[in-house]
Amino acid sequence: MATSSASAPVATLVHGLLRVATCGSVDDGKSTLLGRLLHDTRQIADDQLDHVRDVSERRGTALDLALLTDGLRAEREQGITIDVAYRSFETPRRRFILADCPGHEQYTRNMVTGASTADAAVLLVDARHGVVAQTRRHLAITALLRVPHVLVAVNKMDLVDWDGGRFAEIAGDVRALAETLGVEDVACVPVSALEGDNVVEPSTRTPWYDGPPLVTRLEELPPESDDPDGPLRFPVQLVIRPLGEAGGGRRYAGRVARGTVRPGDAVVALPSGEEAVVAAVETLDGELAHASAPRSVSIVLDRELDISRGDVLCRTGAAPALTRELEATICWMGERHLRPGARLLLKHGTRTTRAIVEDVTERLHLQSLLGAPAPDGLALNDLGRVRVRVAEPLVADPYAESRAAGAFVLIDDATNDTVAAGMITSTTG
């Protein structure tokens, strides 16, 4: 079992929030692992833990930590994860938001949703079965979504008698697959989510493993920022005119999608092309010397411009060409097939515009990301490449350069349902 001695106090490290997606095949133990994380970091309220104990006792089972994250009734009854369940927890070194993603292939769209905003992914592998089809599928999706860090938790090591050779074999298979898919940062940890080994505390049962436990690896991941040194992209979300302030004092509020903004920067508002100079960068706590992605701020300009929601502030001399046509990879989430000619709404940043899907060029094989013709279009949970034309010009970047500035969603304007998540691969005028 995991060592029970208390860990030595650690220095407080300000690494910021880390968003973590957990994924893996059905019954690999994702929900149990998250429950173990919450339990062993003492994030569970007494009444919630008592409820889990009561349910476990009525079932005649040991403490079922999966009940802490399987929130839907259907999940509890079927014993599987269906929707993405979000939980947060803290350690002395970092704060985390965990997304428990479904493992079954029919919930691929939920997996994409949970991983799309993740800074890291924890991919579970059952030590008895090793790398399976869902392992390949989920690692491919993390590669497609450009999740910066992947930690592979080789779970249920207790069921293979803590065999170090078995762990080494699986770790080798994972690294070979990651290299094929272009995943650069991947590490493997032997764990038992059920018993707590190498999850929060190191285990005495893995003397052949000299790495840190899973939580320590997560704590030590570098803070992520969406290209703070790249070209400025500041989509305007809201125009604010403070009441009672002489002269109006118009502010442009939003989140820095890419780059860094500072007082004194010369900026241009797109699509109008009007120029100004940044007079101040503000938050509720006061003015800032600078703000980098993904900081939410209000920007004050040296003169008022005709700017509204959906416009984008860029640095003068480094503004991109506006685009009306996108080539993109999408995950189709709609119940009806997507076929060429479909008319939808496209939401990119804070701008929403009408769009038409001119072509579905290919469907991607979920385990290899290799393309194949898609004469019937895309069905629910399919990944594919499309060409889209929009009614209004967009300030868009390739997803490979910026996850924030290169992502969009497609919306059915009749039902207001989000029917696709997209990643821009290239743009044209």
Protein backbone atom coordinates (compact mmCIF):
# COMPACT_ATOMS: atom_id res chain seq x y z
CA MET A 1 0.00 0.00 0.00
CA ALA A 2 1.04 3.64 -0.21
CA THR A 3 3.28 4.93 2.52
CA SER A 4 1.27 6.51 5.32
CA SER A 5 3.89 8.84 6.75
CA ALA A 6 3.15 12.52 6.33
CA SER A 7 5.04 14.30 3.61
CA ALA A 8 7.60 16.89 4.59
CA PRO A 9 6.36 20.46 4.25
CA VAL A 10 6.93 21.90 0.82
CA ALA A 11 7.65 25.47 -0.11
CA THR A 12 4.79 27.33 -1.67
CA LEU A 13 5.29 27.57 -5.42
CA VAL A 14 3.09 29.90 -7.39
CA HIS A 15 2.55 27.90 -10.59
CA GLY A 16 -1.04 29.03 -11.11
CA LEU A 17 -4.08 27.05 -12.08
CA LEU A 18 -3.61 23.78 -14.01
CA ARG A 19 -6.50 22.28 -15.97
CA VAL A 20 -6.20 18.50 -16.21
CA ALA A 21 -8.25 16.12 -18.37
CA THR A 22 -8.37 12.45 -17.42
CA CYS A 23 -9.12 9.89 -20.11
CA GLY A 24 -8.73 6.23 -20.92
CA SER A 25 -10.68 3.12 -21.77
CA VAL A 26 -13.85 2.07 -19.95
CA ASP A 27 -13.12 0.52 -16.53
CA ASP A 28 -9.51 1.72 -16.45
CA GLY A 29 -10.35 3.56 -13.22
CA LYS A 30 -10.59 7.25 -14.17
CA SER A 31 -13.31 8.17 -11.72
CA THR A 32 -11.65 6.13 -8.97
CA LEU A 33 -8.38 7.96 -9.58
CA LEU A 34 -10.05 11.36 -9.30
CA GLY A 35 -11.85 10.23 -6.17
CA ARG A 36 -8.52 9.11 -4.73
CA LEU A 37 -6.96 12.48 -5.56
CA LEU A 38 -9.77 14.31 -3.80
CA HIS A 39 -9.76 11.93 -0.82
CA ASP A 40 -6.01 11.83 -0.23
CA THR A 41 -5.61 15.60 -0.59
CA ARG A 42 -8.44 16.02 1.97
CA GLN A 43 -10.78 17.88 -0.35
CA ILE A 44 -13.93 15.89 0.54
CA ALA A 45 -16.54 17.22 2.96
CA ASP A 46 -17.43 14.84 5.80
CA ASP A 47 -21.08 14.54 4.78
CA GLN A 48 -20.11 13.71 1.19
CA LEU A 49 -17.67 11.05 2.34
CA ASP A 50 -20.31 9.60 4.70
CA HIS A 51 -22.73 9.35 1.77
CA VAL A 52 -20.17 7.44 -0.32
CA ARG A 53 -19.54 5.09 2.61
CA ASP A 54 -23.27 4.45 3.01
CA VAL A 55 -23.76 3.68 -0.69
CA SER A 56 -20.70 1.41 -0.72
CA GLU A 57 -21.93 -0.48 2.34
CA ARG A 58 -25.40 -1.01 0.82
CA ARG A 59 -23.72 -2.47 -2.25
CA GLY A 60 -21.47 -4.63 -0.11
CA THR A 61 -18.30 -3.17 -1.61
CA ALA A 62 -15.23 -1.35 -0.37
CA LEU A 63 -15.25 2.45 -0.35
CA ASP A 64 -16.19 3.39 -3.95
CA LEU A 65 -14.34 6.65 -4.59
CA ALA A 66 -15.72 6.81 -8.14
CA LEU A 67 -19.01 8.00 -6.64
CA LEU A 68 -17.33 11.31 -5.85
CA THR A 69 -17.16 12.21 -9.56
CA ASP A 70 -19.82 10.11 -11.32
CA GLY A 71 -22.55 12.71 -10.86
CA LEU A 72 -25.28 11.62 -13.27
CA ARG A 73 -27.80 9.00 -12.20
CA ALA A 74 -27.18 7.06 -15.42
CA GLU A 75 -23.46 7.00 -14.62
CA ARG A 76 -24.05 5.61 -11.15
CA GLU A 77 -26.50 2.97 -12.42
CA GLN A 78 -24.41 1.84 -15.39
CA GLY A 79 -21.03 2.17 -13.70
CA ILE A 80 -19.58 4.26 -16.55
CA THR A 81 -18.74 7.91 -17.12
CA ILE A 82 -21.02 9.60 -19.68
CA ASP A 83 -20.60 13.33 -19.31
CA VAL A 84 -17.53 15.38 -18.39
CA ALA A 85 -17.42 15.84 -14.60
CA TYR A 86 -15.41 18.81 -13.30
CA ARG A 87 -13.88 18.91 -9.84
CA SER A 88 -11.26 21.17 -8.27
CA PHE A 89 -8.67 20.57 -5.57
CA GLU A 90 -5.62 22.26 -4.13
CA THR A 91 -2.25 21.23 -2.77
CA PRO A 92 0.22 23.53 -0.98
CA ARG A 93 1.88 24.05 -4.36
CA ARG A 94 -0.93 24.39 -6.90
CA ARG A 95 -4.64 24.57 -7.68
CA PHE A 96 -6.19 22.12 -10.15
CA ILE A 97 -9.40 21.72 -12.11
CA LEU A 98 -9.98 18.10 -13.09
CA ALA A 99 -12.14 16.98 -16.01
CA ASP A 100 -13.20 13.33 -15.85
CA CYS A 101 -13.73 12.50 -19.55
CA PRO A 102 -15.82 9.54 -20.78
CA GLY A 103 -13.94 6.48 -21.94
CA HIS A 104 -16.39 4.95 -24.40
CA GLU A 105 -16.04 5.67 -28.13
CA GLN A 106 -19.66 6.87 -28.41
CA TYR A 107 -18.78 9.82 -26.12
CA THR A 108 -15.82 11.05 -28.18
CA ARG A 109 -17.39 14.53 -28.41
CA ASN A 110 -17.40 14.72 -24.59
CA MET A 111 -13.73 13.73 -24.53
CA VAL A 112 -12.93 16.52 -27.01
CA THR A 113 -14.88 19.00 -24.89
CA GLY A 114 -13.02 18.06 -21.71
CA ALA A 115 -9.56 18.09 -23.29
CA SER A 116 -9.98 21.22 -25.42
CA THR A 117 -9.04 23.59 -22.56
CA ALA A 118 -6.65 21.24 -20.72
CA ASP A 119 -3.07 22.17 -19.87
CA ALA A 120 -2.29 18.50 -19.23
CA ALA A 121 -3.90 15.11 -19.74
CA VAL A 122 -3.76 12.08 -17.46
CA LEU A 123 -4.29 9.00 -19.62
CA LEU A 124 -5.07 5.81 -17.72
CA VAL A 125 -3.93 2.39 -18.92
CA ASP A 126 -5.00 -0.87 -17.26
CA ALA A 127 -1.78 -2.73 -16.40
CA ARG A 128 -3.45 -6.05 -17.28
CA HIS A 129 -4.47 -5.00 -20.80
CA GLY A 130 -1.79 -2.48 -21.77
CA VAL A 131 -2.26 -0.16 -24.75
CA VAL A 132 -5.69 -0.79 -26.32
CA ALA A 133 -7.74 0.87 -29.06
CA GLN A 134 -9.12 3.55 -26.72
CA THR A 135 -5.60 4.35 -25.49
CA ARG A 136 -4.55 5.02 -29.07
CA ARG A 137 -7.72 6.99 -29.74
CA HIS A 138 -7.41 9.24 -26.69
CA LEU A 139 -3.70 9.84 -27.18
CA ALA A 140 -4.45 10.81 -30.78
CA ILE A 141 -7.10 13.29 -29.61
CA THR A 142 -4.71 14.87 -27.11
CA ALA A 143 -2.18 15.19 -29.96
CA LEU A 144 -4.80 16.76 -32.24
CA LEU A 145 -5.85 19.23 -29.52
CA ARG A 146 -2.18 19.98 -28.77
CA VAL A 147 -2.48 19.32 -25.04
CA PRO A 148 1.01 20.37 -23.84
CA HIS A 149 1.70 17.57 -21.32
CA VAL A 150 0.55 13.94 -21.10
CA LEU A 151 0.98 11.79 -17.99
CA VAL A 152 0.17 8.10 -18.44
CA ALA A 153 -1.03 6.47 -15.21
CA VAL A 154 -0.47 2.73 -15.55
CA ASN A 155 -3.27 1.76 -13.16
CA LYS A 156 -4.17 -1.46 -11.32
CA MET A 157 -0.53 -2.41 -10.80
CA ASP A 158 -1.75 -4.35 -7.75
CA LEU A 159 -3.50 -6.77 -10.12
CA VAL A 160 -0.23 -7.65 -11.88
CA ASP A 161 1.70 -8.14 -8.61
CA TRP A 162 3.61 -4.87 -9.03
CA ASP A 163 5.56 -6.30 -11.94
CA GLY A 164 8.19 -3.73 -12.96
CA GLY A 165 8.79 -5.53 -16.24
CA ARG A 166 5.13 -5.18 -17.18
CA PHE A 167 5.25 -1.46 -16.42
CA ALA A 168 8.39 -1.03 -18.55
CA GLU A 169 6.72 -2.87 -21.44
CA ILE A 170 3.65 -0.61 -21.35
CA ALA A 171 5.77 2.53 -20.98
CA GLY A 172 7.73 1.52 -24.08
CA ASP A 173 4.52 0.98 -26.08
CA VAL A 174 3.18 4.37 -24.96
CA ARG A 175 6.34 6.23 -25.92
CA ALA A 176 6.44 4.59 -29.35
CA LEU A 177 2.81 5.57 -29.98
CA ALA A 178 3.41 9.12 -28.71
CA GLU A 179 6.37 9.53 -31.06
CA THR A 180 4.23 8.40 -34.00
CA LEU A 181 1.50 10.92 -33.14
CA GLY A 182 3.91 13.78 -32.42
CA VAL A 183 3.27 13.99 -28.66
CA GLU A 184 6.49 15.48 -27.29
CA ASP A 185 6.01 15.53 -23.50
CA VAL A 186 4.83 12.17 -22.14
CA ALA A 187 5.71 10.43 -18.86
CA CYS A 188 4.48 7.20 -17.24
CA VAL A 189 3.69 6.53 -13.56
CA PRO A 190 2.78 3.11 -12.02
CA VAL A 191 -0.25 3.55 -9.74
CA SER A 192 -3.07 1.84 -7.91
CA ALA A 193 -5.98 4.25 -7.76
CA LEU A 194 -7.92 1.84 -5.57
CA GLU A 195 -5.24 1.62 -2.89
CA GLY A 196 -3.55 5.00 -3.41
CA ASP A 197 -0.05 3.90 -4.43
CA ASN A 198 1.95 6.60 -6.25
CA VAL A 199 -1.09 8.86 -6.56
CA VAL A 200 -0.45 11.44 -3.83
CA GLU A 201 2.15 9.59 -1.77
CA PRO A 202 5.03 7.43 -3.06
CA SER A 203 4.62 3.67 -2.76
CA THR A 204 6.92 1.13 -1.13
CA ARG A 205 5.68 -1.47 -3.61
CA THR A 206 7.50 0.02 -6.62
CA PRO A 207 11.22 0.04 -5.69
CA TRP A 208 11.99 -0.24 -9.42
CA TYR A 209 10.33 3.14 -10.07
CA ASP A 210 12.43 6.14 -9.11
CA GLY A 211 10.09 8.91 -10.26
CA PRO A 212 7.70 11.05 -8.19
CA PRO A 213 4.01 10.22 -7.63
CA LEU A 214 1.36 11.49 -10.01
CA VAL A 215 0.36 14.60 -8.05
CA THR A 216 3.97 15.71 -7.66
CA ARG A 217 4.46 15.46 -11.42
CA LEU A 218 1.35 17.58 -11.94
CA GLU A 219 2.56 20.15 -9.39
CA GLU A 220 5.89 20.49 -11.19
CA LEU A 221 4.56 21.04 -14.71
CA PRO A 222 5.54 24.49 -15.98
CA PRO A 223 2.84 27.17 -16.05
CA GLU A 224 1.23 27.44 -19.44
CA SER A 225 0.56 30.62 -21.37
CA ASP A 226 -0.81 30.78 -24.89
CA ASP A 227 2.25 32.24 -26.64
CA PRO A 228 2.93 35.32 -24.41
CA ASP A 229 5.67 36.43 -26.81
CA GLY A 230 3.54 36.03 -29.94
CA PRO A 231 1.56 38.69 -31.79
CA LEU A 232 -1.15 40.39 -29.74
CA ARG A 233 -4.73 39.16 -30.11
CA PHE A 234 -7.26 40.81 -27.80
CA PRO A 235 -10.89 39.97 -28.71
CA VAL A 236 -13.20 42.61 -27.24
CA GLN A 237 -15.92 41.04 -25.13
CA LEU A 238 -17.55 44.13 -23.64
CA VAL A 239 -17.30 47.91 -24.01
CA ILE A 240 -17.58 49.62 -20.59
CA ARG A 241 -18.29 53.27 -19.85
CA PRO A 242 -17.99 53.77 -16.06
CA LEU A 243 -20.82 55.80 -14.56
CA GLY A 244 -20.04 59.25 -13.20
CA GLU A 245 -16.56 59.44 -14.70
CA ALA A 246 -15.76 62.69 -16.46
CA GLY A 247 -15.06 62.32 -20.15
CA GLY A 248 -16.61 58.87 -20.40
CA GLY A 249 -13.50 56.75 -19.73
CA ARG A 250 -14.42 54.00 -22.17
CA ARG A 251 -12.82 50.60 -21.41
CA TYR A 252 -12.56 47.57 -23.68
CA ALA A 253 -12.86 44.39 -21.63
CA GLY A 254 -11.88 40.88 -22.65
CA ARG A 255 -9.28 38.14 -22.33
CA VAL A 256 -5.87 38.29 -23.97
CA ALA A 257 -5.99 35.37 -26.41
CA ARG A 258 -2.38 35.65 -27.52
CA GLY A 259 0.68 37.75 -26.81
CA THR A 260 1.16 40.55 -24.26
CA VAL A 261 -0.30 44.06 -24.05
CA ARG A 262 1.38 47.01 -22.28
CA PRO A 263 0.66 50.71 -21.81
CA GLY A 264 2.27 52.61 -24.68
CA ASP A 265 1.65 49.87 -27.27
CA ALA A 266 0.35 51.10 -30.61
CA VAL A 267 -2.64 48.96 -31.56
CA VAL A 268 -5.06 48.61 -34.46
CA ALA A 269 -8.70 47.57 -34.14
CA LEU A 270 -9.84 44.98 -36.66
CA PRO A 271 -11.79 44.81 -38.89
CA SER A 272 -12.14 48.64 -38.98
CA GLY A 273 -8.39 49.34 -39.13
CA GLU A 274 -8.55 52.31 -36.71
CA GLU A 275 -5.40 52.92 -34.67
CA ALA A 276 -4.71 54.13 -31.13
CA VAL A 277 -2.21 53.79 -28.26
CA VAL A 278 -2.83 51.79 -25.08
CA ALA A 279 -3.10 54.26 -22.19
CA ALA A 280 -3.68 51.72 -19.41
CA VAL A 281 -4.23 48.02 -18.71
CA GLU A 282 -6.58 47.53 -15.76
CA THR A 283 -8.17 44.95 -13.49
CA LEU A 284 -10.43 45.37 -10.47
CA ASP A 285 -7.26 45.45 -8.36
CA GLY A 286 -5.75 48.36 -10.26
CA GLU A 287 -3.47 49.04 -13.22
CA LEU A 288 -0.95 46.51 -14.57
CA ALA A 289 2.43 47.01 -16.18
CA HIS A 290 1.48 44.29 -18.69
CA ALA A 291 -1.00 41.46 -19.26
CA SER A 292 -0.24 38.21 -21.09
CA ALA A 293 -2.52 35.46 -22.36
CA PRO A 294 -4.82 34.25 -20.88
CA ARG A 295 -5.29 37.24 -18.50
CA SER A 296 -8.68 38.98 -18.44
CA VAL A 297 -8.31 42.78 -18.35
CA SER A 298 -9.80 46.09 -19.45
CA ILE A 299 -7.83 48.24 -21.88
CA VAL A 300 -7.99 52.03 -21.97
CA LEU A 301 -6.95 53.72 -25.24
CA ASP A 302 -5.67 57.24 -25.73
CA ARG A 303 -8.74 58.01 -27.82
CA GLU A 304 -12.17 56.50 -28.28
CA LEU A 305 -12.64 54.24 -31.29
CA ASP A 306 -15.76 52.76 -32.82
CA ILE A 307 -15.17 49.31 -31.32
CA SER A 308 -17.78 46.73 -30.38
CA ARG A 309 -17.97 43.12 -29.19
CA GLY A 310 -16.22 40.80 -31.64
CA ASP A 311 -13.58 43.31 -32.76
CA VAL A 312 -9.93 42.40 -32.10
CA LEU A 313 -7.07 44.65 -30.96
CA CYS A 314 -3.70 43.75 -32.51
CA ARG A 315 -0.32 45.43 -32.35
CA THR A 316 0.20 47.96 -35.15
CA GLY A 317 2.53 46.55 -37.79
CA ALA A 318 1.91 42.95 -36.68
CA ALA A 319 -1.79 42.61 -37.54
CA PRO A 320 -2.81 39.57 -39.61
CA ALA A 321 -4.70 39.64 -42.87
CA LEU A 322 -8.44 39.25 -42.38
CA THR A 323 -9.86 35.95 -43.61
CA ARG A 324 -13.18 34.76 -44.98
CA GLU A 325 -12.23 31.14 -45.66
CA LEU A 326 -10.90 28.56 -43.20
CA GLU A 327 -9.56 25.07 -43.53
CA ALA A 328 -10.05 23.27 -40.25
CA THR A 329 -10.22 19.99 -38.39
CA ILE A 330 -13.50 19.54 -36.54
CA CYS A 331 -15.19 17.11 -34.18
CA TRP A 332 -18.79 16.78 -35.30
CA MET A 333 -21.19 16.77 -32.33
CA GLY A 334 -24.53 16.96 -34.13
CA GLU A 335 -27.06 14.14 -34.31
CA ARG A 336 -27.57 14.72 -38.04
CA HIS A 337 -24.78 14.17 -40.58
CA LEU A 338 -22.69 17.15 -41.67
CA ARG A 339 -22.67 17.45 -45.45
CA PRO A 340 -21.24 20.06 -47.83
CA GLY A 341 -23.48 23.11 -48.13
CA ALA A 342 -24.56 23.13 -44.47
CA ARG A 343 -25.31 26.66 -43.22
CA LEU A 344 -24.41 27.31 -39.59
CA LEU A 345 -23.18 29.98 -37.21
CA LEU A 346 -19.45 30.13 -36.49
CA LYS A 347 -18.26 31.55 -33.15
CA HIS A 348 -14.58 32.49 -33.04
CA GLY A 349 -13.44 34.28 -29.91
CA THR A 350 -16.12 36.87 -29.21
CA ARG A 351 -17.33 37.20 -32.83
CA THR A 352 -20.24 35.18 -34.21
CA THR A 353 -20.92 35.13 -37.95
CA ARG A 354 -22.83 33.10 -40.49
CA ALA A 355 -20.89 30.37 -42.25
CA ILE A 356 -21.26 27.71 -44.89
CA VAL A 357 -19.39 24.40 -44.93
CA GLU A 358 -18.21 24.35 -48.53
CA ASP A 359 -16.57 20.92 -48.44
CA VAL A 360 -15.93 17.94 -46.16
CA THR A 361 -12.54 16.93 -47.50
CA GLU A 362 -11.90 13.82 -45.39
CA ARG A 363 -12.72 11.86 -42.26
CA LEU A 364 -9.90 11.15 -39.79
CA HIS A 365 -9.29 7.69 -38.39
CA LEU A 366 -9.58 8.19 -34.65
CA GLN A 367 -6.64 5.98 -33.71
CA SER A 368 -4.08 7.18 -36.25
CA LEU A 369 -5.34 10.61 -37.42
CA LEU A 370 -4.92 9.40 -41.02
CA GLY A 371 -7.48 10.76 -43.48
CA ALA A 372 -9.95 8.93 -45.72
CA PRO A 373 -12.61 10.18 -48.19
CA ALA A 374 -15.93 11.17 -46.58
CA PRO A 375 -18.57 10.90 -49.33
CA ASP A 376 -21.36 10.74 -46.71
CA GLY A 377 -20.02 13.67 -44.73
CA LEU A 378 -19.41 13.42 -40.98
CA ALA A 379 -21.52 11.57 -38.42
CA LEU A 380 -21.81 12.08 -34.65
CA ASN A 381 -18.36 11.88 -32.95
CA ASP A 382 -16.47 11.88 -36.28
CA LEU A 383 -13.28 13.89 -36.68
CA GLY A 384 -12.78 15.37 -40.13
CA ARG A 385 -11.28 18.14 -42.21
CA VAL A 386 -13.53 20.79 -43.73
CA ARG A 387 -13.42 24.04 -45.68
CA VAL A 388 -15.63 26.82 -44.28
CA ARG A 389 -16.53 30.24 -45.70
CA VAL A 390 -17.74 32.98 -43.33
CA ALA A 391 -19.92 36.03 -43.99
CA GLU A 392 -17.77 38.49 -41.98
CA PRO A 393 -13.96 38.71 -41.96
CA LEU A 394 -12.19 37.10 -39.01
CA VAL A 395 -8.89 37.67 -37.23
CA ALA A 396 -7.80 34.04 -37.09
CA ASP A 397 -4.55 32.15 -36.48
CA PRO A 398 -3.71 28.49 -37.10
CA TYR A 399 -4.46 26.32 -34.08
CA ALA A 400 -0.87 25.03 -34.22
CA GLU A 401 0.29 28.56 -33.36
CA SER A 402 -2.36 29.44 -30.77
CA ARG A 403 -4.99 27.20 -29.21
CA ALA A 404 -7.08 30.21 -28.15
CA ALA A 405 -6.89 32.22 -31.38
CA GLY A 406 -7.17 29.15 -33.61
CA ALA A 407 -10.29 27.49 -32.16
CA PHE A 408 -13.97 27.95 -33.00
CA VAL A 409 -17.35 26.27 -32.62
CA LEU A 410 -20.18 25.75 -35.08
CA ILE A 411 -23.75 26.38 -33.92
CA ASP A 412 -27.10 25.32 -35.39
CA ASP A 413 -28.97 28.63 -35.48
CA ALA A 414 -32.36 26.84 -35.50
CA THR A 415 -31.76 25.02 -32.19
CA ASN A 416 -28.81 27.02 -30.76
CA ASP A 417 -27.01 23.68 -30.26
CA THR A 418 -23.22 23.57 -30.55
CA VAL A 419 -22.69 20.99 -33.30
CA ALA A 420 -18.91 21.10 -33.84
CA ALA A 421 -15.64 22.13 -32.25
CA GLY A 422 -13.02 23.26 -34.76
CA MET A 423 -9.28 23.84 -34.99
CA ILE A 424 -8.06 26.09 -37.81
CA THR A 425 -5.29 24.60 -39.96
CA SER A 426 -4.99 27.43 -42.52
CA THR A 427 -6.74 30.59 -43.70
CA THR A 428 -7.23 32.48 -46.98
CA GLY A 429 -8.57 35.93 -47.79
